Amino acid sequence: MDVNLKVKFCGVNLVNPFIVSQVPPNGELETIKSQLAAGWGGVLLRSASLNVDPKKQTAAKMRQNAPLYRGVDYEEKRAIDLGWIEPEVPMTVEEAESVIGILKEEYPDRTVIGSMVGRSRDEWLKVSRRLSQAGADIIECDFSIPAEEENPVGPRIADDIRLMEKAARYVRGGARNTPIMFKIPGMLDEKEQVVDVLKAADAEGINLFYEPKGVPGINLTNFVPFPNVGAKSTLSVMGGSGTKPYTLGVLAEWGKINKGLDVSALGGAYDWRDCVEYILMGARLIQFHGAVLQRGVRLVDDLHSGVGDYLNEKMVSSLDKLVGKSLPFFTTPDKLPRSGRVVAAIDDKVCIRCGICYQACENLGYHAISLNNQRKPSIDKKNCMGDGLCVASCPVFNCMSLRRVSSK
């Protein structure tokens, strides 16, 4: 069966929904070209600004005197997640114009998304207009930045509905006929108001992300938290596959209220399964950042083959038919059906007799799992509460499950 990975986002046709997001951080043109040549559907460029500090921009491209990145380790596993303190330095509008022009000339079938930041009417109008005139297929305006440049830990533009309303209107005016989307922190409280503001500005899309800050770990020898920068540290932006559940949660919450805005998802996607799950939860575009840094541009090959095989297996001809298919199943806790009963079940053929399920059940005090002399577990259906901790704790795929039984 011939499957189609093409998608339409903000009215723009993409060869596939896999986008490289702001990689590399220094905007190296040849690296961006290699990403498109490898088969990515497009790129989202580093944000452009009228007010770029030349000293900061130069410093960002210099050799570092300390690490910018740090993996999050767990037991014997290295770098299961990623934290970074990479400075967010915009590119000049002139740089963005040049990159957009070159990429659209050499890769006309790929989507180039110009990103921008601004804090004034002049910036929002001028930058969006120049990105549009340069040939950007879509313009993204970042509302996750602080509203005041001199207060980097202060309120974000997205925290001020009135400011966001003005900014969205100016960006729309500058972009003219070029589709626009806005980068919004997914955990905002006033979600419906934000959607109304974007719709009023005739926005076509919204870029949702969940990007927590944290500490990747601590050196137990010298007590300095990671990353160690001259025996000092600071909060890192946390990424990696560990943020996937949060991104899915953001998509679920916004998916019911987006009023027709096309949704882009950023954060936590590392393989083809993640892509399919994001699409099922309503995303039409999946952005990759940390995964490309860690696994390289050829990751897109696995995305192509994995998603294609999945569509064939499901006898689905195009991704469009999967967008948002999981949203109807998502509801609030008070509306979850509580009738009936489930109990745990074990597939003896794949069980490795580790005893983890037994320990989990004992820790909850239910005593519904017992082990024989060969450490083979068995379920006491009468005592099983169906809580699922044993299933969640089992280290073997498809070994344990919850099955519905008669409630009598």
Protein backbone atom coordinates (compact mmCIF):
# COMPACT_ATOMS: atom_id res chain seq x y z
CA MET A 1 0.00 0.00 0.00
CA ASP A 2 1.38 3.40 -0.99
CA VAL A 3 1.35 5.70 2.03
CA ASN A 4 1.51 9.47 1.98
CA LEU A 5 3.56 11.34 4.57
CA LYS A 6 2.64 14.73 3.12
CA VAL A 7 0.81 17.14 5.42
CA LYS A 8 -0.68 20.60 5.14
CA PHE A 9 0.24 23.02 7.91
CA CYS A 10 -0.93 26.63 7.99
CA GLY A 11 -2.00 26.19 4.38
CA VAL A 12 1.51 25.13 3.31
CA ASN A 13 2.13 21.69 1.79
CA LEU A 14 5.01 19.82 3.43
CA VAL A 15 6.68 16.69 2.07
CA ASN A 16 6.58 15.29 5.62
CA PRO A 17 5.80 16.64 9.11
CA PHE A 18 9.35 16.29 10.48
CA ILE A 19 10.96 19.67 11.16
CA VAL A 20 14.39 20.50 12.57
CA SER A 21 13.94 23.25 15.14
CA GLN A 22 16.61 25.94 15.53
CA VAL A 23 19.54 23.57 14.97
CA PRO A 24 22.38 24.43 14.85
CA PRO A 25 22.21 27.19 17.45
CA ASN A 26 24.77 29.28 15.59
CA GLY A 27 22.78 29.19 12.35
CA GLU A 28 25.52 27.46 10.35
CA LEU A 29 24.11 27.42 6.82
CA GLU A 30 25.90 24.29 5.61
CA THR A 31 24.56 22.30 8.56
CA ILE A 32 21.02 23.46 7.79
CA LYS A 33 21.50 22.44 4.16
CA SER A 34 22.61 18.97 5.26
CA GLN A 35 19.41 18.60 7.26
CA LEU A 36 17.21 19.36 4.26
CA ALA A 37 19.34 17.17 1.99
CA ALA A 38 18.89 14.30 4.45
CA GLY A 39 15.12 14.38 3.95
CA TRP A 40 13.67 16.56 6.69
CA GLY A 41 10.44 18.27 5.70
CA GLY A 42 11.74 21.67 6.68
CA VAL A 43 13.58 23.78 9.21
CA LEU A 44 12.58 26.37 11.76
CA LEU A 45 15.34 28.96 11.89
CA ARG A 46 16.75 30.63 14.94
CA SER A 47 14.72 33.72 15.89
CA ALA A 48 15.50 36.95 14.07
CA SER A 49 15.55 40.33 15.78
CA LEU A 50 16.26 43.96 14.99
CA ASN A 51 18.09 44.32 18.29
CA VAL A 52 20.95 41.83 18.37
CA ASP A 53 23.85 42.48 20.74
CA PRO A 54 26.99 41.94 18.59
CA LYS A 55 29.04 40.98 21.65
CA LYS A 56 26.58 38.27 22.70
CA GLN A 57 26.31 37.00 19.14
CA THR A 58 30.10 36.75 18.84
CA ALA A 59 30.37 35.05 22.23
CA ALA A 60 27.78 32.45 21.24
CA LYS A 61 29.95 31.40 18.29
CA MET A 62 33.20 31.23 20.27
CA ARG A 63 34.75 28.17 21.86
CA GLN A 64 33.27 27.67 25.31
CA ASN A 65 35.26 27.66 28.57
CA ALA A 66 32.72 25.29 30.15
CA PRO A 67 30.05 22.80 29.04
CA LEU A 68 26.73 24.09 27.73
CA TYR A 69 25.08 20.66 27.75
CA ARG A 70 24.71 17.96 30.38
CA GLY A 71 23.05 14.58 30.17
CA VAL A 72 20.73 13.32 32.88
CA ASP A 73 21.94 9.95 34.14
CA TYR A 74 19.89 7.27 35.88
CA GLU A 75 21.54 4.31 37.63
CA GLU A 76 23.82 2.81 34.96
CA LYS A 77 22.16 4.60 32.07
CA ARG A 78 23.87 7.65 30.61
CA ALA A 79 22.17 10.72 29.17
CA ILE A 80 18.56 9.55 29.30
CA ASP A 81 17.60 13.22 29.11
CA LEU A 82 19.37 16.45 28.26
CA GLY A 83 19.81 19.80 29.96
CA TRP A 84 21.45 22.87 28.50
CA ILE A 85 22.32 26.45 29.34
CA GLU A 86 22.89 27.44 25.74
CA PRO A 87 22.53 31.22 25.40
CA GLU A 88 19.53 32.22 23.32
CA VAL A 89 21.04 34.79 20.98
CA PRO A 90 18.86 35.82 18.02
CA MET A 91 20.20 36.13 14.50
CA THR A 92 20.05 39.45 12.73
CA VAL A 93 17.25 40.03 10.27
CA GLU A 94 19.86 40.35 7.53
CA GLU A 95 21.20 36.89 8.37
CA ALA A 96 17.70 35.43 8.35
CA GLU A 97 16.91 37.03 4.99
CA SER A 98 20.06 35.60 3.47
CA VAL A 99 19.52 32.08 4.84
CA ILE A 100 15.87 32.00 3.77
CA GLY A 101 16.74 33.13 0.25
CA ILE A 102 19.48 30.52 -0.19
CA LEU A 103 17.44 27.65 1.25
CA LYS A 104 14.35 28.42 -0.85
CA GLU A 105 16.49 28.62 -3.98
CA GLU A 106 18.31 25.32 -3.36
CA TYR A 107 15.45 23.39 -1.70
CA PRO A 108 12.24 24.83 -3.16
CA ASP A 109 10.13 21.84 -2.09
CA ARG A 110 11.12 22.14 1.58
CA THR A 111 9.45 24.37 4.13
CA VAL A 112 11.48 27.18 5.68
CA ILE A 113 9.93 28.70 8.79
CA GLY A 114 11.32 32.08 9.76
CA SER A 115 11.19 32.74 13.47
CA MET A 116 11.16 36.15 15.10
CA VAL A 117 11.16 37.91 18.44
CA GLY A 118 10.04 41.42 19.21
CA ARG A 119 9.02 43.67 22.06
CA SER A 120 7.67 46.74 20.25
CA ARG A 121 5.30 47.69 17.45
CA ASP A 122 8.27 48.59 15.26
CA GLU A 123 9.93 45.20 15.72
CA TRP A 124 6.78 43.12 15.23
CA LEU A 125 5.87 44.96 12.04
CA LYS A 126 9.31 45.26 10.46
CA VAL A 127 10.71 41.81 11.22
CA SER A 128 7.58 39.98 10.09
CA ARG A 129 7.45 42.04 6.89
CA ARG A 130 11.10 41.38 6.06
CA LEU A 131 10.84 37.64 6.73
CA SER A 132 7.79 37.54 4.48
CA GLN A 133 9.54 39.45 1.71
CA ALA A 134 12.58 37.15 2.04
CA GLY A 135 10.38 34.21 1.08
CA ALA A 136 9.68 32.42 4.38
CA ASP A 137 6.92 29.86 3.92
CA ILE A 138 5.65 30.44 7.45
CA ILE A 139 6.55 32.99 10.13
CA GLU A 140 6.71 32.02 13.79
CA CYS A 141 6.61 34.74 16.45
CA ASP A 142 7.91 33.71 19.86
CA PHE A 143 5.62 34.79 22.70
CA SER A 144 7.54 32.75 25.28
CA ILE A 145 10.25 35.40 25.70
CA PRO A 146 10.28 37.91 28.59
CA ALA A 147 8.21 40.99 27.86
CA GLU A 148 11.11 43.20 29.01
CA GLU A 149 14.59 42.47 27.68
CA GLU A 150 16.24 43.94 30.76
CA ASN A 151 14.26 41.56 33.00
CA PRO A 152 15.07 38.05 31.68
CA VAL A 153 13.24 36.30 34.53
CA GLY A 154 10.18 38.55 34.39
CA PRO A 155 6.71 37.95 32.89
CA ARG A 156 6.59 36.62 29.34
CA ILE A 157 4.66 38.18 26.49
CA ALA A 158 2.33 35.17 26.65
CA ASP A 159 1.46 36.08 30.26
CA ASP A 160 -0.10 39.39 29.17
CA ILE A 161 -3.24 38.92 27.05
CA ARG A 162 -3.42 42.60 26.03
CA LEU A 163 0.22 42.73 24.98
CA MET A 164 -0.17 39.48 23.08
CA GLU A 165 -3.24 40.85 21.31
CA LYS A 166 -1.32 43.93 20.12
CA ALA A 167 1.71 41.92 19.08
CA ALA A 168 -0.31 39.35 17.16
CA ARG A 169 -2.10 42.09 15.26
CA TYR A 170 1.17 43.81 14.31
CA VAL A 171 2.78 40.54 13.20
CA ARG A 172 -0.24 39.79 11.05
CA GLY A 173 -0.01 43.24 9.49
CA GLY A 174 3.68 42.86 8.71
CA ALA A 175 3.48 39.29 7.43
CA ARG A 176 0.63 40.16 5.07
CA ASN A 177 -0.25 36.98 3.16
CA THR A 178 2.44 34.78 4.71
CA PRO A 179 0.97 32.28 7.18
CA ILE A 180 1.83 32.99 10.82
CA MET A 181 1.99 30.90 13.95
CA PHE A 182 2.86 31.79 17.52
CA LYS A 183 5.10 29.95 19.96
CA ILE A 184 3.18 29.58 23.20
CA PRO A 185 4.18 27.93 26.51
CA GLY A 186 1.75 25.05 26.83
CA MET A 187 1.10 25.42 30.56
CA LEU A 188 -0.59 28.83 30.40
CA ASP A 189 -3.81 29.10 32.40
CA GLU A 190 -5.81 31.34 30.04
CA LYS A 191 -5.74 28.94 27.11
CA GLU A 192 -9.09 29.85 25.58
CA GLN A 193 -8.32 33.57 25.75
CA VAL A 194 -5.01 32.97 24.01
CA VAL A 195 -6.72 31.02 21.23
CA ASP A 196 -9.28 33.81 20.80
CA VAL A 197 -6.48 36.38 20.51
CA LEU A 198 -4.65 34.36 17.87
CA LYS A 199 -7.82 33.69 15.90
CA ALA A 200 -8.70 37.40 15.98
CA ALA A 201 -5.29 38.12 14.44
CA ASP A 202 -6.00 35.62 11.65
CA ALA A 203 -3.19 33.33 12.79
CA GLU A 204 -3.04 29.98 11.07
CA GLY A 205 -1.10 27.99 13.66
CA ILE A 206 0.21 27.61 17.18
CA ASN A 207 3.53 26.10 18.29
CA LEU A 208 3.05 24.41 21.67
CA PHE A 209 5.89 23.33 23.92
CA TYR A 210 6.65 22.33 27.48
CA GLU A 211 10.21 23.22 28.43
CA PRO A 212 10.83 22.95 32.19
CA LYS A 213 13.94 24.18 33.94
CA GLY A 214 15.87 22.02 36.36
CA VAL A 215 19.21 20.70 37.59
CA PRO A 216 20.57 17.72 35.61
CA GLY A 217 22.44 16.39 38.65
CA ILE A 218 25.16 17.03 41.22
CA ASN A 219 28.79 15.93 41.29
CA LEU A 220 29.00 13.83 44.45
CA THR A 221 32.76 14.38 44.71
CA ASN A 222 32.96 18.17 44.72
CA PHE A 223 29.24 18.92 45.39
CA VAL A 224 28.93 21.29 42.39
CA PRO A 225 25.64 20.95 40.45
CA PHE A 226 25.82 20.23 36.74
CA PRO A 227 26.77 21.86 34.45
CA ASN A 228 29.91 23.02 36.23
CA VAL A 229 30.92 26.46 34.96
CA GLY A 230 33.94 27.59 36.93
CA ALA A 231 32.64 25.90 40.10
CA LYS A 232 29.26 27.59 39.64
CA SER A 233 26.02 26.37 38.09
CA THR A 234 22.56 27.56 37.12
CA LEU A 235 19.19 26.18 36.06
CA SER A 236 19.21 24.28 32.78
CA VAL A 237 16.49 24.04 30.18
CA MET A 238 15.46 20.39 30.32
CA GLY A 239 14.71 18.43 27.19
CA GLY A 240 14.98 14.93 25.87
CA SER A 241 12.55 12.06 25.75
CA GLY A 242 11.55 12.63 29.38
CA THR A 243 9.47 15.67 28.37
CA LYS A 244 7.29 13.65 25.98
CA PRO A 245 4.47 12.98 28.50
CA TYR A 246 4.26 16.69 29.24
CA THR A 247 4.11 17.59 25.55
CA LEU A 248 1.34 15.03 25.04
CA GLY A 249 -0.50 16.57 27.99
CA VAL A 250 -0.17 20.04 26.49
CA LEU A 251 -1.51 18.78 23.15
CA ALA A 252 -4.44 17.11 24.88
CA GLU A 253 -5.42 20.24 26.81
CA TRP A 254 -5.15 22.59 23.83
CA GLY A 255 -6.57 20.11 21.33
CA LYS A 256 -10.12 20.59 22.55
CA ILE A 257 -10.06 24.38 22.31
CA ASN A 258 -7.76 25.33 19.41
CA LYS A 259 -10.69 26.39 17.18
CA GLY A 260 -9.09 25.26 13.94
CA LEU A 261 -5.53 26.47 14.56
CA ASP A 262 -3.00 24.05 13.14
CA VAL A 263 -0.82 22.69 15.95
CA SER A 264 2.94 22.21 15.98
CA ALA A 265 4.53 20.20 18.81
CA LEU A 266 7.98 20.90 20.22
CA GLY A 267 9.75 18.79 22.83
CA GLY A 268 10.27 15.14 23.68
CA ALA A 269 10.05 13.57 20.20
CA TYR A 270 12.88 11.09 19.63
CA ASP A 271 11.52 8.35 17.36
CA TRP A 272 8.71 7.49 14.94
CA ARG A 273 6.40 6.32 17.73
CA ASP A 274 6.60 9.74 19.35
CA CYS A 275 5.65 11.32 16.02
CA VAL A 276 2.60 9.11 15.63
CA GLU A 277 1.48 9.81 19.20
CA TYR A 278 1.82 13.57 18.74
CA ILE A 279 -0.17 13.39 15.51
CA LEU A 280 -2.87 11.30 17.18
CA MET A 281 -3.09 14.01 19.84
CA GLY A 282 -3.65 16.72 17.23
CA ALA A 283 -0.23 17.90 16.00
CA ARG A 284 0.33 18.38 12.27
CA LEU A 285 3.99 19.32 12.64
CA ILE A 286 6.60 17.72 14.90
CA GLN A 287 9.75 19.67 15.71
CA PHE A 288 13.02 17.97 16.64
CA HIS A 289 15.82 19.64 18.55
CA GLY A 290 17.66 17.53 21.13
CA ALA A 291 17.16 14.32 19.14
CA VAL A 292 18.96 15.81 16.13
CA LEU A 293 21.80 17.07 18.31
CA GLN A 294 22.27 13.64 19.87
CA ARG A 295 21.43 11.27 17.02
CA GLY A 296 22.22 13.23 13.89
CA VAL A 297 20.34 14.22 10.76
CA ARG A 298 19.91 10.60 9.56
CA LEU A 299 17.34 10.15 12.32
CA VAL A 300 14.85 11.24 9.67
CA ASP A 301 15.36 7.90 7.87
CA ASP A 302 13.97 6.03 10.88
CA LEU A 303 11.07 8.48 11.09
CA HIS A 304 10.18 7.90 7.43
CA SER A 305 10.34 4.12 7.61
CA GLY A 306 8.73 3.81 11.03
CA VAL A 307 5.75 6.05 10.34
CA GLY A 308 5.35 4.57 6.85
CA ASP A 309 5.31 1.01 8.19
CA TYR A 310 2.80 2.01 10.85
CA LEU A 311 0.45 3.50 8.25
CA ASN A 312 0.73 0.33 6.18
CA GLU A 313 0.02 -1.83 9.20
CA LYS A 314 -3.07 0.22 10.02
CA MET A 315 -4.15 0.35 6.36
CA VAL A 316 -4.19 4.15 6.52
CA SER A 317 -3.19 5.96 3.34
CA SER A 318 -2.22 9.37 4.77
CA LEU A 319 -1.26 11.08 8.01
CA ASP A 320 -4.19 13.48 7.70
CA LYS A 321 -6.51 10.66 8.69
CA LEU A 322 -4.70 10.23 12.02
CA VAL A 323 -4.56 13.87 13.14
CA GLY A 324 -6.39 14.23 16.47
CA LYS A 325 -7.74 10.70 16.44
CA SER A 326 -6.93 10.21 20.14
CA LEU A 327 -8.48 13.48 21.33
CA PRO A 328 -12.07 12.12 21.66
CA PHE A 329 -10.81 9.58 24.21
CA PHE A 330 -9.36 12.30 26.44
CA THR A 331 -11.56 13.68 29.21
CA THR A 332 -11.49 15.05 32.77
CA PRO A 333 -11.01 12.72 35.77
CA ASP A 334 -14.63 13.07 36.91
CA LYS A 335 -15.88 11.77 33.56
CA LEU A 336 -13.80 8.60 33.46
CA PRO A 337 -16.00 5.47 33.33
CA ARG A 338 -15.68 3.59 36.61
CA SER A 339 -18.03 0.67 36.00
CA GLY A 340 -16.69 -2.88 35.64
CA ARG A 341 -13.47 -4.35 37.00
CA VAL A 342 -9.97 -5.16 35.71
CA VAL A 343 -7.34 -7.53 37.07
CA ALA A 344 -3.70 -8.12 36.21
CA ALA A 345 -2.65 -10.90 33.84
CA ILE A 346 0.80 -12.37 33.10
CA ASP A 347 2.11 -13.93 29.89
CA ASP A 348 4.20 -16.82 31.21
CA LYS A 349 5.97 -17.20 27.86
CA VAL A 350 7.81 -13.88 28.19
CA CYS A 351 7.99 -13.54 31.99
CA ILE A 352 11.63 -13.43 33.21
CA ARG A 353 10.77 -14.28 36.87
CA CYS A 354 12.28 -11.06 38.19
CA GLY A 355 9.72 -10.64 40.97
CA ILE A 356 9.26 -6.92 40.43
CA CYS A 357 5.49 -7.28 40.02
CA TYR A 358 5.32 -9.22 43.30
CA GLN A 359 7.28 -6.53 45.13
CA ALA A 360 5.11 -3.74 43.72
CA CYS A 361 1.92 -5.44 44.87
CA GLU A 362 3.39 -6.15 48.31
CA ASN A 363 4.42 -2.51 48.67
CA LEU A 364 0.80 -1.46 48.12
CA GLY A 365 -0.35 -3.99 50.69
CA TYR A 366 -2.71 -5.94 48.41
CA HIS A 367 -0.84 -9.29 48.42
CA ALA A 368 -2.48 -10.34 45.14
CA ILE A 369 0.69 -11.75 43.55
CA SER A 370 2.57 -14.78 44.84
CA LEU A 371 5.81 -16.48 43.73
CA ASN A 372 6.40 -20.23 43.68
CA ASN A 373 9.73 -21.98 44.26
CA GLN A 374 10.81 -21.14 40.69
CA ARG A 375 9.79 -17.48 41.23
CA LYS A 376 6.94 -17.87 38.79
CA PRO A 377 4.30 -15.24 39.65
CA SER A 378 0.57 -15.92 39.81
CA ILE A 379 -2.37 -13.55 40.29
CA ASP A 380 -5.05 -13.91 42.97
CA LYS A 381 -7.97 -12.33 41.11
CA LYS A 382 -10.01 -11.93 44.29
CA ASN A 383 -7.36 -9.76 45.92
CA CYS A 384 -6.25 -7.89 42.78
CA MET A 385 -7.37 -4.25 42.93
CA GLY A 386 -6.62 -3.52 39.27
CA ASP A 387 -4.47 -0.50 40.14
CA GLY A 388 -1.88 -1.39 37.47
CA LEU A 389 1.32 -0.70 39.44
CA CYS A 390 2.59 -4.18 38.65
CA VAL A 391 1.96 -3.65 34.94
CA ALA A 392 3.66 -0.25 35.00
CA SER A 393 6.66 -1.67 36.89
CA CYS A 394 7.21 -4.76 34.73
CA PRO A 395 10.49 -4.40 32.76
CA VAL A 396 9.37 -6.68 29.90
CA PHE A 397 7.25 -5.35 27.03
CA ASN A 398 3.84 -7.05 26.64
CA CYS A 399 4.39 -9.35 29.61
CA MET A 400 1.72 -7.95 31.92
CA SER A 401 -1.64 -6.38 31.15
CA LEU A 402 -4.95 -5.47 32.78
CA ARG A 403 -7.96 -7.44 31.61
CA ARG A 404 -11.61 -6.75 32.18
CA VAL A 405 -13.48 -9.38 34.17
CA SER A 406 -16.97 -9.80 35.54
CA SER A 407 -17.58 -7.46 38.48
CA LYS A 408 -19.52 -10.14 40.32
